[in-house]
Amino acid sequence: MLQKVKLLSKSISTSILEIVAPRHCEICDDYIGTKPRQFEFICDKCVAMFPIAPPPTEVYNRFITNFKPNNLAIDKAIALMSLSEDDKFIKIIYSLKYDGFRRVGIELGRELGRFLIKNNMTDYDFLVPIPIHHARKRERGFNQSEFICKGINLVTHIPINTKLLKRTKYTQSQTLLTKEERKTNIQNVFSLFIPSTKLDGMTFLLVDDVLTTGSTINSAGSVLKNHGAKNVASATLAIA
């Protein structure tokens, strides 16, 4: 009886929510209703056009191309999709990052987790979300990378560590900067929460939303490597 009441209550709540705030596809804005689907926020038509995931070797080549061997801190890299700035699928990244649609991070993180399993990239001690400065976190109210980590964790069960790295400088957005400006902008902006922490022999998967030049992730990876990390990899929703 109690179970029936709970189901009825959930059904009524869903119906009311549909009236007040009907669900629309984050890509094409079509109404999608409440029926079960692969993604809660993308219609079946757009799911069918979902960008193909690039090979991990292609993603890692972004780091090899942009960093000399003695400055390269990343050992592997993977991305769920390849996007251009005018790609309509970039809207789902913006929904997460700028519109506060956190569910996007969790659901796409889950898909990224499945892709990690498919490519045998789950043997890590911790998932580490790329930290944002505390002032920016106050502005947004959250760190989008943490929600991507939550999705990855749901399928890989790799533990999440949000108290390992911190961002010590409030930097300007990387979006409009050149490759060299990005490298300069992101220098020395990360540190460990506890500077004396030893990471000898440990392995980490750094998680972020979009990989462009790789400067942000490589900078964070350098901190981990300088404290003894054995292996540091990158996982992002997209490469652009």
C-alpha atoms as a PDB file:
ATOM      1  CA  MET A   1       0.000   0.000   0.000  1.00  0.00           C
ATOM      2  CA  LEU A   2       2.795   2.404   0.966  1.00  0.00           C
ATOM      3  CA  GLN A   3       4.615   1.621  -2.275  1.00  0.00           C
ATOM      4  CA  LYS A   4       1.479   2.427  -4.307  1.00  0.00           C
ATOM      5  CA  VAL A   5       1.114   5.741  -2.493  1.00  0.00           C
ATOM      6  CA  LYS A   6       4.751   6.608  -3.259  1.00  0.00           C
ATOM      7  CA  LEU A   7       4.315   5.756  -6.947  1.00  0.00           C
ATOM      8  CA  LEU A   8       1.107   7.798  -7.140  1.00  0.00           C
ATOM      9  CA  SER A   9       2.793  10.737  -5.431  1.00  0.00           C
ATOM     10  CA  LYS A  10       5.726  10.557  -7.860  1.00  0.00           C
ATOM     11  CA  SER A  11       3.342  10.415 -10.829  1.00  0.00           C
ATOM     12  CA  ILE A  12       1.416  13.463  -9.601  1.00  0.00           C
ATOM     13  CA  SER A  13       4.653  15.393  -8.973  1.00  0.00           C
ATOM     14  CA  THR A  14       5.896  14.566 -12.470  1.00  0.00           C
ATOM     15  CA  SER A  15       2.605  15.685 -14.028  1.00  0.00           C
ATOM     16  CA  ILE A  16       2.659  18.991 -12.154  1.00  0.00           C
ATOM     17  CA  LEU A  17       6.290  19.568 -13.156  1.00  0.00           C
ATOM     18  CA  GLU A  18       5.410  18.942 -16.792  1.00  0.00           C
ATOM     19  CA  ILE A  19       2.726  21.620 -16.608  1.00  0.00           C
ATOM     20  CA  VAL A  20       4.913  24.172 -14.819  1.00  0.00           C
ATOM     21  CA  ALA A  21       8.193  23.418 -16.618  1.00  0.00           C
ATOM     22  CA  PRO A  22       7.748  21.053 -19.588  1.00  0.00           C
ATOM     23  CA  ARG A  23      10.938  19.326 -20.657  1.00  0.00           C
ATOM     24  CA  HIS A  24      12.562  20.287 -23.927  1.00  0.00           C
ATOM     25  CA  CYS A  25      15.599  18.893 -25.727  1.00  0.00           C
ATOM     26  CA  GLU A  26      18.739  20.833 -24.808  1.00  0.00           C
ATOM     27  CA  ILE A  27      19.929  20.569 -28.419  1.00  0.00           C
ATOM     28  CA  CYS A  28      16.924  21.318 -30.665  1.00  0.00           C
ATOM     29  CA  ASP A  29      14.430  22.585 -28.050  1.00  0.00           C
ATOM     30  CA  ASP A  30      11.729  20.095 -29.119  1.00  0.00           C
ATOM     31  CA  TYR A  31       9.326  18.961 -26.398  1.00  0.00           C
ATOM     32  CA  ILE A  32      10.415  15.535 -25.092  1.00  0.00           C
ATOM     33  CA  GLY A  33       7.878  14.703 -22.374  1.00  0.00           C
ATOM     34  CA  THR A  34       8.509  12.230 -19.578  1.00  0.00           C
ATOM     35  CA  LYS A  35       8.919   8.863 -21.274  1.00  0.00           C
ATOM     36  CA  PRO A  36      12.132   6.934 -20.398  1.00  0.00           C
ATOM     37  CA  ARG A  37      15.046   7.575 -22.767  1.00  0.00           C
ATOM     38  CA  GLN A  38      18.817   7.197 -22.915  1.00  0.00           C
ATOM     39  CA  PHE A  39      19.313  10.839 -21.942  1.00  0.00           C
ATOM     40  CA  GLU A  40      16.796  12.732 -19.853  1.00  0.00           C
ATOM     41  CA  PHE A  41      17.586  16.003 -21.608  1.00  0.00           C
ATOM     42  CA  ILE A  42      18.124  15.019 -25.282  1.00  0.00           C
ATOM     43  CA  CYS A  43      15.415  13.870 -27.702  1.00  0.00           C
ATOM     44  CA  ASP A  44      15.758  10.580 -29.566  1.00  0.00           C
ATOM     45  CA  LYS A  45      16.345  12.422 -32.858  1.00  0.00           C
ATOM     46  CA  CYS A  46      19.370  14.278 -31.480  1.00  0.00           C
ATOM     47  CA  VAL A  47      20.701  11.178 -29.716  1.00  0.00           C
ATOM     48  CA  ALA A  48      20.809   9.497 -33.139  1.00  0.00           C
ATOM     49  CA  MET A  49      23.054  12.348 -34.346  1.00  0.00           C
ATOM     50  CA  PHE A  50      25.293  12.304 -31.276  1.00  0.00           C
ATOM     51  CA  PRO A  51      28.941  13.008 -32.232  1.00  0.00           C
ATOM     52  CA  ILE A  52      31.179   9.953 -32.530  1.00  0.00           C
ATOM     53  CA  ALA A  53      33.772   9.640 -29.778  1.00  0.00           C
ATOM     54  CA  PRO A  54      37.297  10.267 -31.103  1.00  0.00           C
ATOM     55  CA  PRO A  55      39.962   7.570 -30.578  1.00  0.00           C
ATOM     56  CA  PRO A  56      41.911   8.147 -27.329  1.00  0.00           C
ATOM     57  CA  THR A  57      45.139   8.308 -29.359  1.00  0.00           C
ATOM     58  CA  GLU A  58      43.726  11.265 -31.282  1.00  0.00           C
ATOM     59  CA  VAL A  59      42.804  13.037 -28.038  1.00  0.00           C
ATOM     60  CA  TYR A  60      46.202  12.363 -26.481  1.00  0.00           C
ATOM     61  CA  ASN A  61      47.882  13.751 -29.579  1.00  0.00           C
ATOM     62  CA  ARG A  62      46.557  17.172 -28.520  1.00  0.00           C
ATOM     63  CA  PHE A  63      48.893  17.028 -25.507  1.00  0.00           C
ATOM     64  CA  ILE A  64      51.830  15.631 -27.488  1.00  0.00           C
ATOM     65  CA  THR A  65      51.461  18.416 -30.054  1.00  0.00           C
ATOM     66  CA  ASN A  66      51.215  21.255 -27.534  1.00  0.00           C
ATOM     67  CA  PHE A  67      53.784  20.232 -24.921  1.00  0.00           C
ATOM     68  CA  LYS A  68      57.438  19.278 -25.084  1.00  0.00           C
ATOM     69  CA  PRO A  69      58.268  15.897 -23.500  1.00  0.00           C
ATOM     70  CA  ASN A  70      59.875  17.496 -20.440  1.00  0.00           C
ATOM     71  CA  ASN A  71      56.716  19.579 -19.820  1.00  0.00           C
ATOM     72  CA  LEU A  72      54.134  16.887 -20.552  1.00  0.00           C
ATOM     73  CA  ALA A  73      52.411  15.655 -17.386  1.00  0.00           C
ATOM     74  CA  ILE A  74      49.588  13.621 -18.935  1.00  0.00           C
ATOM     75  CA  ASP A  75      50.028   9.944 -19.827  1.00  0.00           C
ATOM     76  CA  LYS A  76      46.691   9.183 -21.511  1.00  0.00           C
ATOM     77  CA  ALA A  77      43.634  11.119 -22.637  1.00  0.00           C
ATOM     78  CA  ILE A  78      40.061  10.373 -23.610  1.00  0.00           C
ATOM     79  CA  ALA A  79      37.021  12.423 -24.664  1.00  0.00           C
ATOM     80  CA  LEU A  80      33.388  11.489 -25.195  1.00  0.00           C
ATOM     81  CA  MET A  81      32.913  13.631 -28.306  1.00  0.00           C
ATOM     82  CA  SER A  82      34.701  15.925 -30.728  1.00  0.00           C
ATOM     83  CA  LEU A  83      33.073  19.345 -31.150  1.00  0.00           C
ATOM     84  CA  SER A  84      33.647  22.581 -33.020  1.00  0.00           C
ATOM     85  CA  GLU A  85      32.564  25.978 -31.709  1.00  0.00           C
ATOM     86  CA  ASP A  86      29.630  26.085 -34.146  1.00  0.00           C
ATOM     87  CA  ASP A  87      28.525  22.512 -33.407  1.00  0.00           C
ATOM     88  CA  LYS A  88      24.984  22.462 -32.029  1.00  0.00           C
ATOM     89  CA  PHE A  89      26.003  19.865 -29.443  1.00  0.00           C
ATOM     90  CA  ILE A  90      28.204  22.459 -27.734  1.00  0.00           C
ATOM     91  CA  LYS A  91      24.906  23.710 -26.253  1.00  0.00           C
ATOM     92  CA  ILE A  92      24.802  20.836 -23.788  1.00  0.00           C
ATOM     93  CA  ILE A  93      28.231  21.823 -22.469  1.00  0.00           C
ATOM     94  CA  TYR A  94      27.031  25.410 -22.067  1.00  0.00           C
ATOM     95  CA  SER A  95      23.881  24.149 -20.323  1.00  0.00           C
ATOM     96  CA  LEU A  96      26.073  22.487 -17.736  1.00  0.00           C
ATOM     97  CA  LYS A  97      28.718  25.166 -17.375  1.00  0.00           C
ATOM     98  CA  TYR A  98      26.739  28.387 -17.593  1.00  0.00           C
ATOM     99  CA  ASP A  99      23.068  27.496 -17.064  1.00  0.00           C
ATOM    100  CA  GLY A 100      23.564  25.323 -14.000  1.00  0.00           C
ATOM    101  CA  PHE A 101      21.994  22.224 -15.559  1.00  0.00           C
ATOM    102  CA  ARG A 102      23.934  19.827 -13.330  1.00  0.00           C
ATOM    103  CA  ARG A 103      22.040  16.759 -14.478  1.00  0.00           C
ATOM    104  CA  VAL A 104      23.807  17.145 -17.836  1.00  0.00           C
ATOM    105  CA  GLY A 105      27.134  16.625 -16.090  1.00  0.00           C
ATOM    106  CA  ILE A 106      25.978  13.477 -14.319  1.00  0.00           C
ATOM    107  CA  GLU A 107      24.354  11.877 -17.365  1.00  0.00           C
ATOM    108  CA  LEU A 108      27.176  12.680 -19.784  1.00  0.00           C
ATOM    109  CA  GLY A 109      29.643  11.667 -17.079  1.00  0.00           C
ATOM    110  CA  ARG A 110      27.950   8.280 -16.970  1.00  0.00           C
ATOM    111  CA  GLU A 111      28.426   7.929 -20.743  1.00  0.00           C
ATOM    112  CA  LEU A 112      32.052   8.978 -20.393  1.00  0.00           C
ATOM    113  CA  GLY A 113      32.433   6.334 -17.695  1.00  0.00           C
ATOM    114  CA  ARG A 114      31.139   3.651 -20.066  1.00  0.00           C
ATOM    115  CA  PHE A 115      33.619   4.845 -22.696  1.00  0.00           C
ATOM    116  CA  LEU A 116      36.415   4.613 -20.126  1.00  0.00           C
ATOM    117  CA  ILE A 117      35.431   1.011 -19.392  1.00  0.00           C
ATOM    118  CA  LYS A 118      35.350   0.213 -23.120  1.00  0.00           C
ATOM    119  CA  ASN A 119      38.901   1.558 -23.469  1.00  0.00           C
ATOM    120  CA  ASN A 120      40.254  -0.113 -20.303  1.00  0.00           C
ATOM    121  CA  MET A 121      40.908   3.222 -18.595  1.00  0.00           C
ATOM    122  CA  THR A 122      39.512   2.579 -15.131  1.00  0.00           C
ATOM    123  CA  ASP A 123      42.577   1.539 -13.146  1.00  0.00           C
ATOM    124  CA  TYR A 124      43.002   4.778 -11.196  1.00  0.00           C
ATOM    125  CA  ASP A 125      43.124   5.503  -7.496  1.00  0.00           C
ATOM    126  CA  PHE A 126      40.996   8.639  -7.778  1.00  0.00           C
ATOM    127  CA  LEU A 127      38.911  10.786 -10.077  1.00  0.00           C
ATOM    128  CA  VAL A 128      40.032  14.393  -9.588  1.00  0.00           C
ATOM    129  CA  PRO A 129      37.771  17.162 -10.930  1.00  0.00           C
ATOM    130  CA  ILE A 130      39.688  20.160 -12.245  1.00  0.00           C
ATOM    131  CA  PRO A 131      39.082  22.722  -9.483  1.00  0.00           C
ATOM    132  CA  ILE A 132      37.732  26.201 -10.090  1.00  0.00           C
ATOM    133  CA  HIS A 133      38.641  29.195  -7.939  1.00  0.00           C
ATOM    134  CA  HIS A 134      36.465  29.653  -4.851  1.00  0.00           C
ATOM    135  CA  ALA A 135      35.306  33.052  -6.148  1.00  0.00           C
ATOM    136  CA  ARG A 136      34.121  31.516  -9.414  1.00  0.00           C
ATOM    137  CA  LYS A 137      32.450  28.697  -7.510  1.00  0.00           C
ATOM    138  CA  ARG A 138      30.513  31.322  -5.556  1.00  0.00           C
ATOM    139  CA  GLU A 139      29.466  32.925  -8.854  1.00  0.00           C
ATOM    140  CA  ARG A 140      28.267  29.665 -10.429  1.00  0.00           C
ATOM    141  CA  GLY A 141      27.289  27.854  -7.272  1.00  0.00           C
ATOM    142  CA  PHE A 142      29.032  24.651  -8.301  1.00  0.00           C
ATOM    143  CA  ASN A 143      31.983  23.096 -10.132  1.00  0.00           C
ATOM    144  CA  GLN A 144      30.750  21.405 -13.305  1.00  0.00           C
ATOM    145  CA  SER A 145      33.643  18.921 -13.300  1.00  0.00           C
ATOM    146  CA  GLU A 146      32.503  17.499  -9.965  1.00  0.00           C
ATOM    147  CA  PHE A 147      29.165  16.512 -11.500  1.00  0.00           C
ATOM    148  CA  ILE A 148      30.914  14.853 -14.442  1.00  0.00           C
ATOM    149  CA  CYS A 149      32.931  12.885 -11.876  1.00  0.00           C
ATOM    150  CA  LYS A 150      29.715  11.804 -10.149  1.00  0.00           C
ATOM    151  CA  GLY A 151      28.457  10.349 -13.412  1.00  0.00           C
ATOM    152  CA  ILE A 152      31.738   8.540 -14.088  1.00  0.00           C
ATOM    153  CA  ASN A 153      31.729   7.149 -10.554  1.00  0.00           C
ATOM    154  CA  LEU A 154      28.246   5.666 -11.021  1.00  0.00           C
ATOM    155  CA  VAL A 155      29.550   3.198 -13.609  1.00  0.00           C
ATOM    156  CA  THR A 156      33.276   2.825 -12.854  1.00  0.00           C
ATOM    157  CA  HIS A 157      33.148   3.136  -9.045  1.00  0.00           C
ATOM    158  CA  ILE A 158      36.463   5.007  -9.072  1.00  0.00           C
ATOM    159  CA  PRO A 159      36.387   7.166  -5.914  1.00  0.00           C
ATOM    160  CA  ILE A 160      36.222  10.948  -6.282  1.00  0.00           C
ATOM    161  CA  ASN A 161      38.716  13.205  -4.514  1.00  0.00           C
ATOM    162  CA  THR A 162      37.700  16.876  -4.339  1.00  0.00           C
ATOM    163  CA  LYS A 163      40.159  17.718  -1.564  1.00  0.00           C
ATOM    164  CA  LEU A 164      43.420  16.992  -3.345  1.00  0.00           C
ATOM    165  CA  LEU A 165      43.880  19.932  -5.715  1.00  0.00           C
ATOM    166  CA  LYS A 166      42.868  23.557  -5.289  1.00  0.00           C
ATOM    167  CA  ARG A 167      42.985  26.562  -7.579  1.00  0.00           C
ATOM    168  CA  THR A 168      44.929  29.371  -5.963  1.00  0.00           C
ATOM    169  CA  LYS A 169      44.509  32.113  -8.581  1.00  0.00           C
ATOM    170  CA  TYR A 170      41.421  33.630 -10.169  1.00  0.00           C
ATOM    171  CA  THR A 171      42.322  33.629 -13.866  1.00  0.00           C
ATOM    172  CA  GLN A 172      40.526  35.068 -16.859  1.00  0.00           C
ATOM    173  CA  SER A 173      38.569  32.669 -19.055  1.00  0.00           C
ATOM    174  CA  GLN A 174      40.694  30.631 -21.460  1.00  0.00           C
ATOM    175  CA  THR A 175      38.040  30.804 -24.175  1.00  0.00           C
ATOM    176  CA  LEU A 176      39.360  33.758 -26.200  1.00  0.00           C
ATOM    177  CA  LEU A 177      43.082  33.254 -25.537  1.00  0.00           C
ATOM    178  CA  THR A 178      45.673  31.950 -27.986  1.00  0.00           C
ATOM    179  CA  LYS A 179      47.533  28.709 -27.341  1.00  0.00           C
ATOM    180  CA  GLU A 180      50.537  30.468 -25.830  1.00  0.00           C
ATOM    181  CA  GLU A 181      48.353  32.861 -23.816  1.00  0.00           C
ATOM    182  CA  ARG A 182      46.497  29.880 -22.363  1.00  0.00           C
ATOM    183  CA  LYS A 183      49.758  28.337 -21.174  1.00  0.00           C
ATOM    184  CA  THR A 184      50.821  31.592 -19.506  1.00  0.00           C
ATOM    185  CA  ASN A 185      47.369  32.241 -18.027  1.00  0.00           C
ATOM    186  CA  ILE A 186      47.261  28.868 -16.306  1.00  0.00           C
ATOM    187  CA  GLN A 187      50.830  28.743 -14.946  1.00  0.00           C
ATOM    188  CA  ASN A 188      51.144  28.049 -11.222  1.00  0.00           C
ATOM    189  CA  VAL A 189      47.409  28.276 -10.523  1.00  0.00           C
ATOM    190  CA  PHE A 190      47.043  24.838  -8.911  1.00  0.00           C
ATOM    191  CA  SER A 191      48.447  23.406  -5.701  1.00  0.00           C
ATOM    192  CA  LEU A 192      47.686  20.605  -3.275  1.00  0.00           C
ATOM    193  CA  PHE A 193      45.298  21.302  -0.400  1.00  0.00           C
ATOM    194  CA  ILE A 194      47.989  19.922   1.901  1.00  0.00           C
ATOM    195  CA  PRO A 195      51.407  20.786   0.376  1.00  0.00           C
ATOM    196  CA  SER A 196      53.210  18.012   2.243  1.00  0.00           C
ATOM    197  CA  THR A 197      50.987  15.282   0.758  1.00  0.00           C
ATOM    198  CA  LYS A 198      52.955  12.432  -0.815  1.00  0.00           C
ATOM    199  CA  LEU A 199      51.447  10.822  -3.898  1.00  0.00           C
ATOM    200  CA  ASP A 200      54.188   8.280  -4.540  1.00  0.00           C
ATOM    201  CA  GLY A 201      53.039   5.547  -6.916  1.00  0.00           C
ATOM    202  CA  MET A 202      49.442   6.790  -7.088  1.00  0.00           C
ATOM    203  CA  THR A 203      47.351   7.128 -10.256  1.00  0.00           C
ATOM    204  CA  PHE A 204      44.803   9.833 -11.063  1.00  0.00           C
ATOM    205  CA  LEU A 205      42.205  10.622 -13.704  1.00  0.00           C
ATOM    206  CA  LEU A 206      41.741  14.381 -14.104  1.00  0.00           C
ATOM    207  CA  VAL A 207      38.226  15.300 -15.235  1.00  0.00           C
ATOM    208  CA  ASP A 208      37.016  18.451 -17.013  1.00  0.00           C
ATOM    209  CA  ASP A 209      34.307  19.506 -19.452  1.00  0.00           C
ATOM    210  CA  VAL A 210      36.243  20.508 -22.590  1.00  0.00           C
ATOM    211  CA  LEU A 211      39.801  19.904 -23.780  1.00  0.00           C
ATOM    212  CA  THR A 212      41.205  22.609 -26.053  1.00  0.00           C
ATOM    213  CA  THR A 213      44.981  23.098 -25.854  1.00  0.00           C
ATOM    214  CA  GLY A 214      45.273  20.935 -22.743  1.00  0.00           C
ATOM    215  CA  SER A 215      46.986  23.718 -20.770  1.00  0.00           C
ATOM    216  CA  THR A 216      44.634  23.565 -17.774  1.00  0.00           C
ATOM    217  CA  ILE A 217      44.741  19.792 -17.381  1.00  0.00           C
ATOM    218  CA  ASN A 218      48.476  19.580 -17.991  1.00  0.00           C
ATOM    219  CA  SER A 219      49.103  22.271 -15.365  1.00  0.00           C
ATOM    220  CA  ALA A 220      47.049  20.340 -12.808  1.00  0.00           C
ATOM    221  CA  GLY A 221      48.781  17.117 -13.797  1.00  0.00           C
ATOM    222  CA  SER A 222      52.199  18.706 -13.265  1.00  0.00           C
ATOM    223  CA  VAL A 223      51.334  19.389  -9.622  1.00  0.00           C
ATOM    224  CA  LEU A 224      50.389  15.735  -9.101  1.00  0.00           C
ATOM    225  CA  LYS A 225      53.513  14.474 -10.880  1.00  0.00           C
ATOM    226  CA  ASN A 226      55.736  16.829  -8.875  1.00  0.00           C
ATOM    227  CA  HIS A 227      54.391  15.223  -5.695  1.00  0.00           C
ATOM    228  CA  GLY A 228      55.129  11.695  -6.833  1.00  0.00           C
ATOM    229  CA  ALA A 229      52.108  10.577  -8.866  1.00  0.00           C
ATOM    230  CA  LYS A 230      52.965   7.616 -11.073  1.00  0.00           C
ATOM    231  CA  ASN A 231      50.325   8.098 -13.747  1.00  0.00           C
ATOM    232  CA  VAL A 232      47.974  10.972 -14.595  1.00  0.00           C
ATOM    233  CA  ALA A 233      45.342  10.780 -17.331  1.00  0.00           C
ATOM    234  CA  SER A 234      42.750  13.173 -18.737  1.00  0.00           C
ATOM    235  CA  ALA A 235      39.023  12.559 -19.284  1.00  0.00           C
ATOM    236  CA  THR A 236      36.757  15.230 -20.763  1.00  0.00           C
ATOM    237  CA  LEU A 237      33.264  15.384 -22.197  1.00  0.00           C
ATOM    238  CA  ALA A 238      34.581  16.961 -25.379  1.00  0.00           C
ATOM    239  CA  ILE A 239      37.649  17.928 -27.345  1.00  0.00           C
ATOM    240  CA  ALA A 240      37.274  21.162 -29.297  1.00  0.00           C
END
